[in-house]
N, C-alpha and C. Protein backbone atom coordinates (compact mmCIF):
# COMPACT_ATOMS: atom_id res chain seq x y z
N MET A 1 48.37 -31.26 51.70
CA MET A 1 49.77 -31.18 50.65
C MET A 1 49.94 -32.70 50.56
N ASP A 2 49.85 -33.04 49.29
CA ASP A 2 50.09 -34.60 48.51
C ASP A 2 52.03 -34.96 48.22
N ARG A 3 52.04 -33.74 47.57
CA ARG A 3 53.58 -33.49 47.46
C ARG A 3 54.34 -33.21 48.02
N THR A 4 55.49 -33.84 47.44
CA THR A 4 57.10 -33.97 48.35
C THR A 4 58.08 -33.49 47.67
N ASP A 5 58.77 -33.10 48.19
CA ASP A 5 60.32 -32.11 48.56
C ASP A 5 61.13 -33.00 46.80
N ALA A 6 60.90 -33.94 46.49
CA ALA A 6 60.99 -35.08 45.32
C ALA A 6 60.17 -34.48 44.25
N ASP A 7 58.97 -34.32 44.27
CA ASP A 7 57.69 -34.07 43.43
C ASP A 7 58.38 -32.88 42.79
N ARG A 8 58.10 -31.24 44.06
CA ARG A 8 59.11 -30.03 43.44
C ARG A 8 60.18 -30.07 43.13
N ALA A 9 61.50 -30.59 43.21
CA ALA A 9 62.26 -30.20 42.55
C ALA A 9 62.56 -31.06 40.87
N ASP A 10 61.02 -31.86 40.60
CA ASP A 10 61.24 -32.54 38.86
C ASP A 10 60.23 -32.01 38.49
N VAL A 11 61.68 -30.43 37.79
CA VAL A 11 61.80 -30.26 36.89
C VAL A 11 62.88 -30.27 35.69
N ASP A 12 62.03 -30.26 33.89
CA ASP A 12 63.23 -31.15 33.38
C ASP A 12 63.89 -30.10 33.00
N VAL A 13 65.40 -30.42 33.28
CA VAL A 13 66.13 -28.95 32.29
C VAL A 13 65.77 -28.74 31.62
N ASP A 14 65.32 -29.11 30.16
CA ASP A 14 65.35 -28.23 28.78
C ASP A 14 63.90 -27.11 29.54
N ASP A 15 62.95 -27.08 30.13
CA ASP A 15 62.10 -26.58 30.51
C ASP A 15 62.63 -25.25 31.28
N LEU A 16 63.37 -25.10 32.29
CA LEU A 16 64.62 -24.57 33.24
C LEU A 16 65.27 -23.29 32.01
N LEU A 17 65.82 -24.18 30.41
CA LEU A 17 66.85 -23.18 30.26
C LEU A 17 65.70 -22.69 29.32
N LYS A 18 64.35 -22.81 28.77
CA LYS A 18 63.77 -22.33 27.74
C LYS A 18 63.35 -21.11 28.83
N VAL A 19 62.45 -20.81 30.03
CA VAL A 19 62.38 -19.95 31.09
C VAL A 19 63.78 -19.22 30.53
N ILE A 20 64.96 -19.57 30.71
CA ILE A 20 65.75 -18.94 31.11
C ILE A 20 66.24 -18.05 30.31
N LEU A 21 65.80 -19.02 28.43
CA LEU A 21 65.93 -18.11 27.65
C LEU A 21 64.53 -17.35 27.41
N LEU A 22 63.63 -17.38 27.68
CA LEU A 22 62.70 -16.49 27.67
C LEU A 22 62.88 -14.66 28.26
N LEU A 23 63.81 -15.31 29.30
CA LEU A 23 63.78 -14.22 30.29
C LEU A 23 64.98 -13.55 29.62
N ALA A 24 65.59 -13.77 29.55
CA ALA A 24 67.19 -13.45 28.31
C ALA A 24 66.58 -12.70 27.07
N ILE A 25 65.23 -13.11 26.24
CA ILE A 25 65.18 -11.88 25.12
C ILE A 25 63.90 -11.22 25.61
N ALA A 26 63.17 -11.23 26.47
CA ALA A 26 63.12 -10.33 27.29
C ALA A 26 63.09 -9.07 27.80
N TRP A 27 64.53 -9.00 28.43
CA TRP A 27 65.45 -8.80 28.37
C TRP A 27 66.25 -7.90 27.29
N LEU A 28 66.83 -8.55 26.50
CA LEU A 28 67.01 -7.79 25.56
C LEU A 28 66.72 -7.29 24.74
N LEU A 29 65.13 -7.25 24.56
CA LEU A 29 64.36 -6.24 24.18
C LEU A 29 63.55 -5.09 24.66
N LEU A 30 64.02 -5.44 26.23
CA LEU A 30 63.86 -4.07 27.20
C LEU A 30 64.61 -2.71 26.91
N GLU A 31 66.03 -3.94 26.24
CA GLU A 31 66.96 -3.11 26.49
C GLU A 31 67.22 -2.18 24.56
N ILE A 32 66.49 -2.33 24.16
CA ILE A 32 66.44 -2.28 22.55
C ILE A 32 65.29 -0.92 22.44
N VAL A 33 64.50 -1.41 23.40
CA VAL A 33 63.25 -0.47 23.19
C VAL A 33 63.50 0.90 24.07
N ASP A 34 64.38 0.63 25.21
CA ASP A 34 65.50 1.67 25.84
C ASP A 34 66.22 2.50 25.00
N THR A 35 67.18 2.00 24.11
CA THR A 35 68.13 2.53 23.17
C THR A 35 66.68 3.80 22.30
N VAL A 36 66.13 2.68 21.83
CA VAL A 36 65.60 3.54 20.95
C VAL A 36 65.02 4.96 21.67
N LEU A 37 64.27 4.67 22.25
CA LEU A 37 63.80 5.31 23.48
C LEU A 37 64.85 6.81 23.49
N ASP A 38 65.75 6.45 23.77
CA ASP A 38 66.54 7.68 23.74
C ASP A 38 67.50 7.80 22.87
N LEU A 39 67.32 7.56 22.10
CA LEU A 39 67.60 8.33 20.67
C LEU A 39 65.99 8.97 19.84
N THR A 40 65.55 8.85 20.46
CA THR A 40 64.00 9.89 19.90
C THR A 40 63.92 10.81 20.64
N PHE A 41 64.52 10.64 21.67
CA PHE A 41 64.36 12.26 22.99
C PHE A 41 65.24 12.96 22.52
N ALA A 42 66.53 12.96 22.66
CA ALA A 42 67.60 13.04 21.63
C ALA A 42 67.18 13.97 20.65
N LEU A 43 66.92 13.13 19.49
CA LEU A 43 66.50 13.79 18.12
C LEU A 43 64.81 15.02 18.66
N LEU A 44 64.95 14.69 19.25
CA LEU A 44 63.83 15.88 19.90
C LEU A 44 64.33 17.26 20.70
N ASP A 45 65.29 16.79 21.30
CA ASP A 45 65.92 17.93 21.68
C ASP A 45 66.64 17.92 21.20
N ALA A 46 67.45 17.81 20.22
CA ALA A 46 67.72 18.32 18.80
C ALA A 46 67.44 19.09 18.14
N ILE A 47 65.14 19.32 18.15
CA ILE A 47 65.01 19.72 16.76
C ILE A 47 64.76 21.48 16.99
N PRO A 48 65.30 22.27 18.25
CA PRO A 48 65.32 23.39 18.14
C PRO A 48 66.67 24.05 17.62
N THR A 49 68.03 23.10 17.54
CA THR A 49 69.09 23.63 17.29
C THR A 49 68.89 23.34 15.47
N LEU A 50 68.57 22.11 15.47
CA LEU A 50 68.30 21.49 13.97
C LEU A 50 67.18 22.84 13.16
N LEU A 51 66.22 23.33 13.82
CA LEU A 51 65.48 24.44 13.47
C LEU A 51 66.09 25.87 13.38
N ALA A 52 67.13 26.32 14.01
CA ALA A 52 68.07 27.29 13.44
C ALA A 52 68.75 27.50 12.76
N ILE A 53 69.33 26.21 12.55
CA ILE A 53 70.81 25.84 11.47
C ILE A 53 69.30 26.08 10.56
N ALA A 54 68.87 25.46 9.84
CA ALA A 54 67.42 25.78 8.82
C ALA A 54 66.97 27.27 9.06
N ILE A 55 66.76 27.84 9.30
CA ILE A 55 66.40 28.89 9.43
C ILE A 55 67.69 30.47 9.50
N VAL A 56 69.21 29.59 9.08
CA VAL A 56 70.33 30.30 9.19
C VAL A 56 70.43 29.99 7.86
N VAL A 57 70.67 29.09 7.51
CA VAL A 57 70.82 28.61 5.99
C VAL A 57 69.82 29.00 4.89
N LEU A 58 68.61 29.16 4.71
CA LEU A 58 67.95 29.77 4.39
C LEU A 58 67.97 31.26 4.19
N ILE A 59 68.34 32.17 5.42
CA ILE A 59 68.71 33.21 5.24
C ILE A 59 70.18 33.61 4.34
N ALA A 60 70.78 32.83 4.73
CA ALA A 60 72.36 32.87 3.65
C ALA A 60 71.80 32.60 2.23
N LEU A 61 70.83 31.86 1.97
CA LEU A 61 70.76 31.66 0.62
C LEU A 61 69.85 32.63 -0.12
N ARG A 62 68.99 33.20 0.72
CA ARG A 62 68.17 34.07 0.47
C ARG A 62 69.19 35.40 -0.57
N LEU A 63 70.01 35.62 1.01
CA LEU A 63 71.06 36.85 0.81
C LEU A 63 71.95 36.66 -0.68
N THR A 64 72.60 35.38 -0.60
CA THR A 64 73.14 35.28 -2.15
C THR A 64 72.51 34.94 -3.06
N ASP A 65 71.22 34.93 -3.50
CA ASP A 65 70.40 34.65 -3.90
C ASP A 65 70.37 33.21 -4.48
N ARG A 66 70.21 32.57 -3.74
CA ARG A 66 70.40 30.97 -3.85
C ARG A 66 69.21 30.42 -4.01
N ILE A 67 68.18 31.32 -3.37
CA ILE A 67 66.53 30.78 -4.00
C ILE A 67 65.89 31.12 -4.80
């Protein structure tokens, strides 16, 4: 190996900041995707309840001659 310890540590501060910035952006994107997926699955879990409410509303409207 021709590299010395000084060559290994010869990294520009701007390059390190860019790497940290990219890692922070990736982390935020993963958090956003996680939140969107959680909301999607929460809505999918609520579909049977929403369907039951829709059926009750339709029956009530039919019985009151609103349909």
